Amino acid sequence: MKTVLITGGSRGLGKSMALFLAQKGFDVIITYQTSEQEALKVVEEIKHYGRQSAALPLDVSKSDTFSTFSEELTLLLDTVWHKNQFDILINNAGIGINQSFEQTSIKAFDTLMNIHLKGPFFLTQTLLPLIANGGKILNISTGLTRFSIPGYAAYAMMKGGIEVLTHYLALELGKRRISVNVVAPGAIETDFAGGVNRDNPKINEYIASQIALGRVGLPEDIGAAVSLLVSDDATWINGQRIEVSGGMRL
């Protein structure tokens, strides 16, 4: 049975991915930064589907902790799964900071860079020995790398870097038969960036008017797409950016 590691799996898109993958028969390890109780609730939900699951703490902004995390993950895999590798890495953990270009501070820029660019780069590098040959890596980007909305210049810039990294990983890890793709969600109703898409009716209505399918996305839309892309049915998809936005600003 294949095992998936999802960073930032206690809520939002990560939680949706975890639950969809459990329903598809995957065992799931999630990480959390501060929301341990929420993470443990997700673990229990996964177990209700008859799958093994566990949660580990991880702050993706602190790259100097990744070697320790790798050791903890190795111990977990040995103790619970009786193996020394996992099959699929989903780099999902992230935050949103909505600030205009003129107002973006060095602190905000560095925070976004550490979480969205430096973190996935060095976490993936650190965990490579634990990813099985023939496995998969899925990075999470954003539709904002294709279309622009004021206030997300720094955030989208980091995600653009992740899309470039995806191409390089797909090429360099091909010798191990590890496929690497990137999913770019459009506007989704979550607590991301303060829940603006979910909680502000006027903004929700406006964004829906920009989407061909006529509504803002739900976490389940992303969870379902991710479960497809990491399945055996998608083995020959590699080095691709797949936007899941309902056709936003076509």
Protein backbone atom coordinates (compact mmCIF):
# COMPACT_ATOMS: atom_id res chain seq x y z
CA MET A 1 0.00 0.00 0.00
CA LYS A 2 1.33 3.43 -0.95
CA THR A 3 2.07 6.08 1.65
CA VAL A 4 1.69 9.82 1.06
CA LEU A 5 3.30 12.68 3.00
CA ILE A 6 1.37 15.97 2.84
CA THR A 7 2.85 19.10 4.39
CA GLY A 8 0.27 21.34 5.99
CA GLY A 9 -2.47 18.72 6.16
CA SER A 10 -4.44 19.84 9.21
CA ARG A 11 -6.84 22.18 7.39
CA GLY A 12 -7.91 23.65 4.06
CA LEU A 13 -6.56 22.15 0.87
CA GLY A 14 -4.16 19.81 2.67
CA LYS A 15 -6.95 18.30 4.71
CA SER A 16 -9.07 17.81 1.61
CA MET A 17 -6.16 16.10 -0.16
CA ALA A 18 -5.59 13.82 2.82
CA LEU A 19 -9.20 12.70 3.02
CA PHE A 20 -9.57 12.14 -0.72
CA LEU A 21 -6.37 10.10 -0.79
CA ALA A 22 -7.52 8.00 2.16
CA GLN A 23 -10.74 7.25 0.31
CA LYS A 24 -8.64 6.17 -2.68
CA GLY A 25 -6.77 3.66 -0.52
CA PHE A 26 -3.60 5.59 0.36
CA ASP A 27 -2.06 5.72 3.82
CA VAL A 28 -1.43 9.35 4.74
CA ILE A 29 1.09 11.19 6.91
CA ILE A 30 0.33 14.87 7.44
CA THR A 31 2.36 17.66 9.00
CA TYR A 32 1.21 20.60 11.06
CA GLN A 33 2.89 23.66 12.52
CA THR A 34 0.73 24.66 15.50
CA SER A 35 -2.67 22.98 15.07
CA GLU A 36 -1.88 19.61 16.64
CA GLN A 37 -5.47 18.91 17.73
CA GLU A 38 -6.83 19.69 14.26
CA ALA A 39 -4.17 17.45 12.73
CA LEU A 40 -5.07 14.59 15.05
CA LYS A 41 -8.74 14.98 14.07
CA VAL A 42 -7.73 14.56 10.43
CA VAL A 43 -5.72 11.47 11.37
CA GLU A 44 -8.80 9.97 13.03
CA GLU A 45 -10.94 10.76 9.98
CA ILE A 46 -8.42 8.99 7.77
CA LYS A 47 -8.47 5.95 10.04
CA HIS A 48 -12.26 5.82 9.68
CA TYR A 49 -11.61 5.02 6.02
CA GLY A 50 -9.55 2.04 7.11
CA ARG A 51 -6.18 3.57 6.31
CA GLN A 52 -3.10 4.10 8.46
CA SER A 53 -2.27 7.70 9.31
CA ALA A 54 -0.08 9.86 11.54
CA ALA A 55 0.80 13.52 12.07
CA LEU A 56 4.20 15.10 12.62
CA PRO A 57 5.11 18.69 13.55
CA LEU A 58 6.98 20.66 10.90
CA ASP A 59 7.68 24.33 10.30
CA VAL A 60 8.55 24.55 6.60
CA SER A 61 10.00 28.03 7.12
CA LYS A 62 12.87 26.57 9.16
CA SER A 63 15.05 24.65 6.75
CA ASP A 64 17.65 23.92 9.43
CA THR A 65 15.13 21.58 11.12
CA PHE A 66 14.58 19.35 8.10
CA SER A 67 17.26 16.80 8.98
CA THR A 68 15.62 16.29 12.38
CA PHE A 69 12.22 15.96 10.70
CA SER A 70 13.67 13.36 8.33
CA GLU A 71 14.88 11.34 11.30
CA GLU A 72 11.46 11.54 12.94
CA LEU A 73 9.79 10.49 9.70
CA THR A 74 12.21 7.57 9.31
CA LEU A 75 11.36 6.37 12.80
CA LEU A 76 7.62 6.74 12.13
CA LEU A 77 7.83 4.78 8.87
CA ASP A 78 9.71 1.99 10.62
CA THR A 79 7.44 1.88 13.66
CA VAL A 80 4.03 2.14 11.98
CA TRP A 81 4.60 0.94 8.41
CA HIS A 82 7.63 -1.30 8.90
CA LYS A 83 9.40 0.19 5.92
CA ASN A 84 12.06 2.80 5.30
CA GLN A 85 10.56 4.81 2.45
CA PHE A 86 7.31 6.47 1.40
CA ASP A 87 5.86 6.89 -2.08
CA ILE A 88 4.45 10.37 -2.62
CA LEU A 89 5.46 13.82 -1.36
CA ILE A 90 2.99 16.70 -1.64
CA ASN A 91 4.53 20.10 -0.89
CA ASN A 92 1.39 21.90 0.19
CA ALA A 93 2.09 23.92 3.37
CA GLY A 94 1.79 27.65 2.91
CA ILE A 95 0.34 30.99 3.93
CA GLY A 96 -1.05 33.99 2.10
CA ILE A 97 0.07 37.58 2.61
CA ASN A 98 -1.93 40.16 0.70
CA GLN A 99 0.15 43.33 0.39
CA SER A 100 0.63 45.64 -2.55
CA PHE A 101 4.04 45.72 -4.20
CA GLU A 102 4.68 49.15 -2.70
CA GLN A 103 3.81 48.01 0.82
CA THR A 104 5.52 44.60 0.83
CA SER A 105 8.09 44.59 3.62
CA ILE A 106 11.38 42.70 3.68
CA LYS A 107 10.00 40.67 6.57
CA ALA A 108 6.90 39.63 4.61
CA PHE A 109 9.01 38.85 1.54
CA ASP A 110 11.40 36.68 3.54
CA THR A 111 8.52 34.88 5.25
CA LEU A 112 6.94 34.01 1.91
CA MET A 113 10.28 32.98 0.44
CA ASN A 114 11.16 30.71 3.37
CA ILE A 115 7.79 28.98 3.35
CA HIS A 116 6.95 28.78 -0.35
CA LEU A 117 10.31 28.56 -2.11
CA LYS A 118 13.25 27.73 0.14
CA GLY A 119 11.19 25.34 2.26
CA PRO A 120 9.96 23.02 -0.52
CA PHE A 121 13.37 23.12 -2.22
CA PHE A 122 15.35 21.93 0.78
CA LEU A 123 12.65 19.71 2.28
CA THR A 124 12.41 17.78 -0.98
CA GLN A 125 16.19 17.59 -1.15
CA THR A 126 16.37 16.29 2.41
CA LEU A 127 13.63 13.69 1.92
CA LEU A 128 14.82 12.36 -1.44
CA PRO A 129 16.49 9.27 0.09
CA LEU A 130 13.16 8.40 1.73
CA ILE A 131 11.10 8.66 -1.48
CA ALA A 132 10.79 5.31 -3.23
CA ASN A 133 11.96 4.87 -6.81
CA GLY A 134 8.93 5.18 -9.06
CA GLY A 135 7.31 7.57 -6.60
CA LYS A 136 5.76 10.98 -7.15
CA ILE A 137 6.27 14.56 -6.03
CA LEU A 138 3.44 17.06 -6.35
CA ASN A 139 4.09 20.73 -5.69
CA ILE A 140 1.29 23.20 -5.02
CA SER A 141 1.43 26.54 -6.82
CA THR A 142 -1.34 29.03 -7.63
CA GLY A 143 -3.36 30.34 -10.53
CA LEU A 144 -1.80 33.71 -9.68
CA THR A 145 1.30 32.74 -11.65
CA ARG A 146 -0.84 32.98 -14.82
CA PHE A 147 -3.27 35.78 -13.98
CA SER A 148 -2.66 38.73 -11.69
CA ILE A 149 -4.63 40.10 -8.73
CA PRO A 150 -3.29 43.15 -6.84
CA GLY A 151 -1.58 42.35 -3.56
CA TYR A 152 0.01 39.01 -4.39
CA ALA A 153 3.21 39.97 -6.24
CA ALA A 154 5.59 38.42 -3.70
CA TYR A 155 3.44 35.33 -3.10
CA ALA A 156 3.00 34.62 -6.82
CA MET A 157 6.71 35.24 -7.43
CA MET A 158 7.60 32.45 -5.00
CA LYS A 159 5.08 30.10 -6.57
CA GLY A 160 6.51 30.90 -10.00
CA GLY A 161 9.83 29.66 -8.67
CA ILE A 162 8.18 26.43 -7.55
CA GLU A 163 6.84 25.90 -11.07
CA VAL A 164 10.36 26.27 -12.49
CA LEU A 165 11.72 23.94 -9.81
CA THR A 166 9.12 21.35 -10.82
CA HIS A 167 10.55 21.18 -14.33
CA TYR A 168 14.07 20.69 -13.06
CA LEU A 169 13.04 18.01 -10.56
CA ALA A 170 11.10 16.16 -13.23
CA LEU A 171 14.20 16.10 -15.40
CA GLU A 172 16.78 15.27 -12.73
CA LEU A 173 14.71 12.65 -10.90
CA GLY A 174 13.60 10.89 -14.07
CA LYS A 175 16.48 8.45 -13.66
CA ARG A 176 14.73 7.20 -10.52
CA ARG A 177 11.35 7.12 -12.30
CA ILE A 178 10.01 9.77 -9.90
CA SER A 179 7.47 11.97 -11.66
CA VAL A 180 7.10 15.59 -10.55
CA ASN A 181 4.16 17.86 -11.33
CA VAL A 182 2.65 21.07 -10.00
CA VAL A 183 -1.00 21.87 -9.29
CA ALA A 184 -2.08 25.51 -9.51
CA PRO A 185 -5.37 26.08 -7.66
CA GLY A 186 -7.53 29.03 -8.61
CA ALA A 187 -9.70 30.92 -6.13
CA ILE A 188 -10.84 28.49 -3.42
CA GLU A 189 -13.17 28.96 -0.44
CA THR A 190 -10.79 28.35 2.48
CA ASP A 191 -9.30 30.38 5.33
CA PHE A 192 -6.35 31.27 3.07
CA ALA A 193 -5.45 34.98 3.22
CA GLY A 194 -7.96 35.52 5.99
CA GLY A 195 -10.78 33.66 4.24
CA VAL A 196 -11.41 36.50 1.80
CA ASN A 197 -12.79 34.27 -0.97
CA ARG A 198 -14.98 32.33 1.45
CA ASP A 199 -16.28 34.97 3.82
CA ASN A 200 -16.76 38.10 1.71
CA PRO A 201 -19.91 37.68 -0.44
CA LYS A 202 -19.12 40.58 -2.76
CA ILE A 203 -15.59 39.33 -3.46
CA ASN A 204 -16.88 35.77 -3.88
CA GLU A 205 -19.49 36.94 -6.38
CA TYR A 206 -16.96 39.00 -8.32
CA ILE A 207 -14.46 36.16 -8.56
CA ALA A 208 -17.20 33.73 -9.59
CA SER A 209 -18.00 36.08 -12.49
CA GLN A 210 -14.41 35.62 -13.71
CA ILE A 211 -14.66 31.80 -13.78
CA ALA A 212 -16.06 29.95 -16.79
CA LEU A 213 -17.87 27.42 -14.61
CA GLY A 214 -19.49 30.20 -12.63
CA ARG A 215 -18.44 29.56 -9.03
CA VAL A 216 -15.50 29.87 -6.67
CA GLY A 217 -13.74 26.57 -6.05
CA LEU A 218 -14.09 24.36 -2.98
CA PRO A 219 -11.33 22.46 -1.16
CA GLU A 220 -12.87 19.25 -2.48
CA ASP A 221 -12.16 20.37 -6.06
CA ILE A 222 -8.44 20.40 -5.28
CA GLY A 223 -8.48 17.23 -3.19
CA ALA A 224 -10.13 15.32 -6.03
CA ALA A 225 -7.66 16.64 -8.62
CA VAL A 226 -4.67 15.79 -6.46
CA SER A 227 -5.93 12.26 -5.81
CA LEU A 228 -6.09 11.76 -9.57
CA LEU A 229 -2.63 13.17 -10.27
CA VAL A 230 -0.86 10.98 -7.71
CA SER A 231 -2.71 7.83 -8.75
CA ASP A 232 -1.32 5.12 -11.01
CA ASP A 233 -3.61 6.45 -13.75
CA ALA A 234 -1.37 9.54 -14.03
CA THR A 235 2.02 7.82 -14.13
CA TRP A 236 2.92 9.22 -17.56
CA ILE A 237 2.19 12.83 -16.60
CA ASN A 238 5.48 14.46 -15.72
CA GLY A 239 6.87 17.98 -15.50
CA GLN A 240 3.45 19.55 -16.00
CA ARG A 241 1.58 22.51 -14.51
CA ILE A 242 -2.08 21.61 -14.05
CA GLU A 243 -4.33 24.54 -13.19
CA VAL A 244 -7.48 23.67 -11.23
CA SER A 245 -9.47 26.90 -11.38
CA GLY A 246 -12.75 26.18 -13.14
CA GLY A 247 -11.45 28.19 -16.08
CA MET A 248 -10.60 31.50 -14.39
CA ARG A 249 -9.85 34.47 -16.65
CA LEU A 250 -9.57 32.39 -19.81
